């Protein structure tokens, strides 16, 4: 009977050892699980922190994107406004250039007209000076006639009325012909000095 309790004792010891081994394994597994859980918890917290950082970066990026979109929208509006202003300015510039060309043409026409008028005025001034000179000559001829008529003597008067010889008459006709030649010469000079087309 001794052998029975020893075998039972030995079997109980073996079971106890087995249980202790299992407990130690279970405790090690629990410690490992705890460490794994702690590591997972730390990883989860790090992941949450990283997620928070990423969310903040995402929010910032979204804010920048929204600001950039708003800025792009404003730039498009500004571009449209500036294009409208540019079109208006280009149109005004074209109108101004056309007006300037018309004014230049009108000015050139007026300058040419003024030059023509000045040339015509010079011609008229020259013709007037010539006319004055010729009028002076005609006045001189007229004065000579008046002086000749005023100094007509008795013999001159008798000679004109003398019907037989006609000497007085011939002298009078010669005198008339001389003055007529002077008047014709003055008239020819006036005609020669007159500008063509007048």
C-alpha atoms as a PDB file:
ATOM      1  CA  UNK A   1       0.000   0.000   0.000  1.00  0.00           C
ATOM      2  CA  UNK A   2       2.879   2.196   0.245  1.00  0.00           C
ATOM      3  CA  UNK A   3       3.439   2.107  -3.400  1.00  0.00           C
ATOM      4  CA  UNK A   4      -0.030   3.442  -4.087  1.00  0.00           C
ATOM      5  CA  UNK A   5       0.240   6.615  -2.100  1.00  0.00           C
ATOM      6  CA  UNK A   6       3.687   7.308  -3.534  1.00  0.00           C
ATOM      7  CA  UNK A   7       2.385   6.885  -7.049  1.00  0.00           C
ATOM      8  CA  UNK A   8      -0.571   9.019  -6.149  1.00  0.00           C
ATOM      9  CA  UNK A   9       1.742  11.508  -4.519  1.00  0.00           C
ATOM     10  CA  UNK A  10       3.991  11.513  -7.490  1.00  0.00           C
ATOM     11  CA  UNK A  11       1.028  11.834  -9.815  1.00  0.00           C
ATOM     12  CA  UNK A  12      -0.298  14.743  -7.727  1.00  0.00           C
ATOM     13  CA  UNK A  13       3.124  16.389  -7.781  1.00  0.00           C
ATOM     14  CA  UNK A  14       3.278  15.956 -11.490  1.00  0.00           C
ATOM     15  CA  UNK A  15      -0.153  17.465 -11.829  1.00  0.00           C
ATOM     16  CA  UNK A  16       0.791  20.292  -9.491  1.00  0.00           C
ATOM     17  CA  UNK A  17       3.903  20.953 -11.466  1.00  0.00           C
ATOM     18  CA  UNK A  18       1.836  20.829 -14.598  1.00  0.00           C
ATOM     19  CA  UNK A  19      -0.628  23.303 -13.106  1.00  0.00           C
ATOM     20  CA  UNK A  20       2.138  25.594 -11.915  1.00  0.00           C
ATOM     21  CA  UNK A  21       3.664  25.473 -15.377  1.00  0.00           C
ATOM     22  CA  UNK A  22       0.315  26.285 -16.895  1.00  0.00           C
ATOM     23  CA  UNK A  23      -0.214  29.127 -14.396  1.00  0.00           C
ATOM     24  CA  UNK A  24       3.242  30.500 -15.167  1.00  0.00           C
ATOM     25  CA  UNK A  25       2.549  30.166 -18.861  1.00  0.00           C
ATOM     26  CA  UNK A  26      -0.844  31.790 -18.387  1.00  0.00           C
ATOM     27  CA  UNK A  27       0.740  34.611 -16.343  1.00  0.00           C
ATOM     28  CA  UNK A  28       3.468  35.016 -18.991  1.00  0.00           C
ATOM     29  CA  UNK A  29       0.809  35.030 -21.667  1.00  0.00           C
ATOM     30  CA  UNK A  30      -1.148  37.586 -19.618  1.00  0.00           C
ATOM     31  CA  UNK A  31       2.007  39.694 -19.188  1.00  0.00           C
ATOM     32  CA  UNK A  32       2.702  39.347 -22.923  1.00  0.00           C
ATOM     33  CA  UNK A  33      -0.909  40.185 -23.678  1.00  0.00           C
ATOM     34  CA  UNK A  34      -0.700  43.192 -21.338  1.00  0.00           C
ATOM     35  CA  UNK A  35       2.508  44.318 -22.993  1.00  0.00           C
ATOM     36  CA  UNK A  36       0.916  43.793 -26.385  1.00  0.00           C
ATOM     37  CA  UNK A  37      -2.185  45.661 -25.183  1.00  0.00           C
ATOM     38  CA  UNK A  38      -0.024  48.467 -23.757  1.00  0.00           C
ATOM     39  CA  UNK A  39       1.944  48.596 -27.007  1.00  0.00           C
ATOM     40  CA  UNK A  40      -1.309  48.531 -28.991  1.00  0.00           C
ATOM     41  CA  UNK A  41      -2.702  51.268 -26.716  1.00  0.00           C
ATOM     42  CA  UNK A  42       0.460  53.344 -27.245  1.00  0.00           C
ATOM     43  CA  UNK A  43       0.259  52.666 -30.974  1.00  0.00           C
ATOM     44  CA  UNK A  44      -3.410  53.632 -30.922  1.00  0.00           C
ATOM     45  CA  UNK A  45      -2.612  56.855 -29.048  1.00  0.00           C
ATOM     46  CA  UNK A  46       0.239  57.565 -31.466  1.00  0.00           C
ATOM     47  CA  UNK A  47      -2.107  56.791 -34.341  1.00  0.00           C
ATOM     48  CA  UNK A  48      -4.752  59.111 -32.804  1.00  0.00           C
ATOM     49  CA  UNK A  49      -2.093  61.818 -32.394  1.00  0.00           C
ATOM     50  CA  UNK A  50      -0.913  61.229 -35.953  1.00  0.00           C
ATOM     51  CA  UNK A  51      -4.529  61.258 -37.109  1.00  0.00           C
ATOM     52  CA  UNK A  52      -5.049  64.547 -35.254  1.00  0.00           C
ATOM     53  CA  UNK A  53      -1.914  65.941 -36.898  1.00  0.00           C
ATOM     54  CA  UNK A  54      -3.057  64.679 -40.284  1.00  0.00           C
ATOM     55  CA  UNK A  55      -6.553  66.094 -39.680  1.00  0.00           C
ATOM     56  CA  UNK A  56      -5.031  69.451 -38.724  1.00  0.00           C
ATOM     57  CA  UNK A  57      -2.812  69.324 -41.828  1.00  0.00           C
ATOM     58  CA  UNK A  58      -5.849  68.320 -43.899  1.00  0.00           C
ATOM     59  CA  UNK A  59      -7.922  71.154 -42.419  1.00  0.00           C
ATOM     60  CA  UNK A  60      -5.075  73.569 -43.121  1.00  0.00           C
ATOM     61  CA  UNK A  61      -4.746  72.209 -46.675  1.00  0.00           C
ATOM     62  CA  UNK A  62      -8.503  72.485 -47.166  1.00  0.00           C
ATOM     63  CA  UNK A  63      -8.371  76.038 -45.833  1.00  0.00           C
ATOM     64  CA  UNK A  64      -5.567  76.852 -48.209  1.00  0.00           C
ATOM     65  CA  UNK A  65      -7.444  75.194 -51.045  1.00  0.00           C
ATOM     66  CA  UNK A  66     -10.585  77.202 -50.224  1.00  0.00           C
ATOM     67  CA  UNK A  67      -8.507  80.396 -49.978  1.00  0.00           C
ATOM     68  CA  UNK A  68      -6.795  79.545 -53.271  1.00  0.00           C
ATOM     69  CA  UNK A  69     -10.173  78.829 -54.880  1.00  0.00           C
ATOM     70  CA  UNK A  70     -11.537  82.147 -53.580  1.00  0.00           C
ATOM     71  CA  UNK A  71      -8.379  83.895 -54.757  1.00  0.00           C
ATOM     72  CA  UNK A  72      -8.650  82.196 -58.158  1.00  0.00           C
ATOM     73  CA  UNK A  73     -12.291  83.261 -58.368  1.00  0.00           C
ATOM     74  CA  UNK A  74     -11.344  86.851 -57.514  1.00  0.00           C
ATOM     75  CA  UNK A  75      -8.514  86.694 -60.047  1.00  0.00           C
ATOM     76  CA  UNK A  76     -10.933  85.426 -62.707  1.00  0.00           C
ATOM     77  CA  UNK A  77     -13.313  88.277 -61.878  1.00  0.00           C
ATOM     78  CA  UNK A  78     -10.426  90.762 -61.887  1.00  0.00           C
ATOM     79  CA  UNK A  79      -9.223  89.303 -65.184  1.00  0.00           C
ATOM     80  CA  UNK A  80     -12.709  89.708 -66.667  1.00  0.00           C
ATOM     81  CA  UNK A  81     -12.903  93.285 -65.370  1.00  0.00           C
ATOM     82  CA  UNK A  82      -9.419  94.097 -66.664  1.00  0.00           C
ATOM     83  CA  UNK A  83     -10.197  92.518 -70.045  1.00  0.00           C
ATOM     84  CA  UNK A  84     -13.325  94.690 -70.233  1.00  0.00           C
ATOM     85  CA  UNK A  85     -11.302  97.770 -69.310  1.00  0.00           C
ATOM     86  CA  UNK A  86      -8.608  96.783 -71.824  1.00  0.00           C
ATOM     87  CA  UNK A  87     -11.246  96.442 -74.543  1.00  0.00           C
ATOM     88  CA  UNK A  88     -12.647  99.858 -73.611  1.00  0.00           C
ATOM     89  CA  UNK A  89      -9.178 101.426 -73.562  1.00  0.00           C
ATOM     90  CA  UNK A  90      -8.255  99.788 -76.888  1.00  0.00           C
ATOM     91  CA  UNK A  91     -11.511 101.048 -78.395  1.00  0.00           C
ATOM     92  CA  UNK A  92     -10.871 104.552 -77.041  1.00  0.00           C
ATOM     93  CA  UNK A  93      -7.287 104.365 -78.341  1.00  0.00           C
ATOM     94  CA  UNK A  94      -8.530 103.342 -81.791  1.00  0.00           C
ATOM     95  CA  UNK A  95     -11.056 106.195 -81.773  1.00  0.00           C
ATOM     96  CA  UNK A  96      -8.359 108.613 -80.609  1.00  0.00           C
ATOM     97  CA  UNK A  97      -5.997 107.431 -83.367  1.00  0.00           C
ATOM     98  CA  UNK A  98      -8.764 107.826 -85.957  1.00  0.00           C
ATOM     99  CA  UNK A  99      -9.602 111.278 -84.614  1.00  0.00           C
ATOM    100  CA  UNK A 100      -5.910 112.193 -84.604  1.00  0.00           C
ATOM    101  CA  UNK A 101      -5.575 111.023 -88.215  1.00  0.00           C
ATOM    102  CA  UNK A 102      -8.653 113.070 -89.185  1.00  0.00           C
ATOM    103  CA  UNK A 103      -7.305 116.113 -87.333  1.00  0.00           C
ATOM    104  CA  UNK A 104      -3.896 115.618 -88.992  1.00  0.00           C
ATOM    105  CA  UNK A 105      -5.555 115.389 -92.415  1.00  0.00           C
ATOM    106  CA  UNK A 106      -7.654 118.479 -91.695  1.00  0.00           C
ATOM    107  CA  UNK A 107      -4.581 120.316 -90.411  1.00  0.00           C
ATOM    108  CA  UNK A 108      -2.581 119.345 -93.507  1.00  0.00           C
ATOM    109  CA  UNK A 109      -5.487 120.517 -95.671  1.00  0.00           C
ATOM    110  CA  UNK A 110      -5.671 123.797 -93.766  1.00  0.00           C
ATOM    111  CA  UNK A 111      -1.893 124.275 -93.942  1.00  0.00           C
ATOM    112  CA  UNK A 112      -1.949 123.596 -97.694  1.00  0.00           C
ATOM    113  CA  UNK A 113      -4.901 125.985 -98.048  1.00  0.00           C
ATOM    114  CA  UNK A 114      -3.101 128.607 -96.003  1.00  0.00           C
ATOM    115  CA  UNK A 115       0.049 128.227 -98.129  1.00  0.00           C
ATOM    116  CA  UNK A 116      -2.043 128.514-101.271  1.00  0.00           C
ATOM    117  CA  UNK A 117      -3.793 131.569 -99.834  1.00  0.00           C
ATOM    118  CA  UNK A 118      -0.453 133.096 -98.829  1.00  0.00           C
ATOM    119  CA  UNK A 119       0.938 132.458-102.313  1.00  0.00           C
ATOM    120  CA  UNK A 120      -2.227 133.992-103.791  1.00  0.00           C
ATOM    121  CA  UNK A 121      -1.906 136.940-101.427  1.00  0.00           C
ATOM    122  CA  UNK A 122       1.707 137.431-102.497  1.00  0.00           C
ATOM    123  CA  UNK A 123       0.568 137.330-106.139  1.00  0.00           C
ATOM    124  CA  UNK A 124      -2.193 139.821-105.349  1.00  0.00           C
ATOM    125  CA  UNK A 125       0.250 142.057-103.460  1.00  0.00           C
ATOM    126  CA  UNK A 126       2.653 141.941-106.421  1.00  0.00           C
ATOM    127  CA  UNK A 127      -0.185 142.642-108.870  1.00  0.00           C
ATOM    128  CA  UNK A 128      -1.390 145.477-106.635  1.00  0.00           C
ATOM    129  CA  UNK A 129       2.100 146.979-106.527  1.00  0.00           C
ATOM    130  CA  UNK A 130       2.288 146.700-110.318  1.00  0.00           C
ATOM    131  CA  UNK A 131      -1.162 148.262-110.656  1.00  0.00           C
ATOM    132  CA  UNK A 132      -0.145 151.109-108.386  1.00  0.00           C
ATOM    133  CA  UNK A 133       2.977 151.681-110.477  1.00  0.00           C
ATOM    134  CA  UNK A 134       0.927 151.602-113.706  1.00  0.00           C
ATOM    135  CA  UNK A 135      -1.721 153.834-112.197  1.00  0.00           C
ATOM    136  CA  UNK A 136       1.060 156.242-111.330  1.00  0.00           C
ATOM    137  CA  UNK A 137       2.223 156.136-114.949  1.00  0.00           C
ATOM    138  CA  UNK A 138      -1.334 156.726-116.183  1.00  0.00           C
ATOM    139  CA  UNK A 139      -1.708 159.602-113.749  1.00  0.00           C
ATOM    140  CA  UNK A 140       1.541 160.986-115.149  1.00  0.00           C
ATOM    141  CA  UNK A 141       0.187 160.723-118.704  1.00  0.00           C
ATOM    142  CA  UNK A 142      -3.077 162.351-117.626  1.00  0.00           C
ATOM    143  CA  UNK A 143      -1.133 165.147-115.897  1.00  0.00           C
ATOM    144  CA  UNK A 144       0.919 165.700-119.072  1.00  0.00           C
ATOM    145  CA  UNK A 145      -2.313 165.959-121.073  1.00  0.00           C
ATOM    146  CA  UNK A 146      -3.793 168.446-118.612  1.00  0.00           C
ATOM    147  CA  UNK A 147      -0.599 170.498-118.595  1.00  0.00           C
ATOM    148  CA  UNK A 148      -0.496 170.449-122.400  1.00  0.00           C
ATOM    149  CA  UNK A 149      -4.137 171.491-122.515  1.00  0.00           C
ATOM    150  CA  UNK A 150      -3.621 174.255-119.938  1.00  0.00           C
ATOM    151  CA  UNK A 151      -0.612 175.685-121.817  1.00  0.00           C
ATOM    152  CA  UNK A 152      -2.299 175.673-125.141  1.00  0.00           C
ATOM    153  CA  UNK A 153      -1.534 178.934-126.776  1.00  0.00           C
ATOM    154  CA  UNK A 154      -3.473 181.157-129.143  1.00  0.00           C
ATOM    155  CA  UNK A 155      -1.532 179.826-132.114  1.00  0.00           C
ATOM    156  CA  UNK A 156      -2.389 176.264-131.098  1.00  0.00           C
ATOM    157  CA  UNK A 157      -6.089 177.130-130.996  1.00  0.00           C
ATOM    158  CA  UNK A 158      -5.900 178.956-134.312  1.00  0.00           C
ATOM    159  CA  UNK A 159      -3.960 176.082-135.830  1.00  0.00           C
ATOM    160  CA  UNK A 160      -6.686 173.610-134.868  1.00  0.00           C
ATOM    161  CA  UNK A 161      -9.346 175.699-136.564  1.00  0.00           C
ATOM    162  CA  UNK A 162      -7.311 176.408-139.706  1.00  0.00           C
ATOM    163  CA  UNK A 163      -9.203 174.562-142.422  1.00  0.00           C
ATOM    164  CA  UNK A 164      -6.818 174.923-145.363  1.00  0.00           C
ATOM    165  CA  UNK A 165      -3.457 173.576-144.393  1.00  0.00           C
ATOM    166  CA  UNK A 166      -4.567 171.354-141.471  1.00  0.00           C
ATOM    167  CA  UNK A 167      -1.138 171.725-139.842  1.00  0.00           C
ATOM    168  CA  UNK A 168      -2.667 172.304-136.411  1.00  0.00           C
ATOM    169  CA  UNK A 169      -4.890 169.334-136.875  1.00  0.00           C
ATOM    170  CA  UNK A 170      -1.942 167.081-137.782  1.00  0.00           C
ATOM    171  CA  UNK A 171       0.012 168.287-134.753  1.00  0.00           C
ATOM    172  CA  UNK A 172      -2.987 167.565-132.517  1.00  0.00           C
ATOM    173  CA  UNK A 173      -3.393 164.071-133.970  1.00  0.00           C
ATOM    174  CA  UNK A 174       0.329 163.389-133.502  1.00  0.00           C
ATOM    175  CA  UNK A 175       0.069 164.518-129.887  1.00  0.00           C
ATOM    176  CA  UNK A 176      -3.023 162.325-129.365  1.00  0.00           C
ATOM    177  CA  UNK A 177      -1.215 159.365-130.949  1.00  0.00           C
ATOM    178  CA  UNK A 178       1.788 159.845-128.625  1.00  0.00           C
ATOM    179  CA  UNK A 179      -0.391 159.818-125.511  1.00  0.00           C
ATOM    180  CA  UNK A 180      -2.442 156.904-126.821  1.00  0.00           C
ATOM    181  CA  UNK A 181       0.809 154.942-127.286  1.00  0.00           C
ATOM    182  CA  UNK A 182       1.832 155.714-123.691  1.00  0.00           C
ATOM    183  CA  UNK A 183      -1.576 154.545-122.387  1.00  0.00           C
ATOM    184  CA  UNK A 184      -1.426 151.371-124.517  1.00  0.00           C
ATOM    185  CA  UNK A 185       2.110 150.604-123.311  1.00  0.00           C
ATOM    186  CA  UNK A 186       0.987 150.954-119.682  1.00  0.00           C
ATOM    187  CA  UNK A 187      -2.046 148.724-120.377  1.00  0.00           C
ATOM    188  CA  UNK A 188       0.197 146.074-121.990  1.00  0.00           C
ATOM    189  CA  UNK A 189       2.491 146.048-118.934  1.00  0.00           C
ATOM    190  CA  UNK A 190      -0.595 145.536-116.720  1.00  0.00           C
ATOM    191  CA  UNK A 191      -1.762 142.618-118.891  1.00  0.00           C
ATOM    192  CA  UNK A 192       1.723 141.023-118.901  1.00  0.00           C
ATOM    193  CA  UNK A 193       2.145 141.290-115.130  1.00  0.00           C
ATOM    194  CA  UNK A 194      -1.324 139.925-114.338  1.00  0.00           C
ATOM    195  CA  UNK A 195      -1.116 136.286-112.972  1.00  0.00           C
ATOM    196  CA  UNK A 196      -2.355 133.573-115.309  1.00  0.00           C
ATOM    197  CA  UNK A 197      -5.980 132.571-114.846  1.00  0.00           C
ATOM    198  CA  UNK A 198      -7.026 135.979-113.504  1.00  0.00           C
END
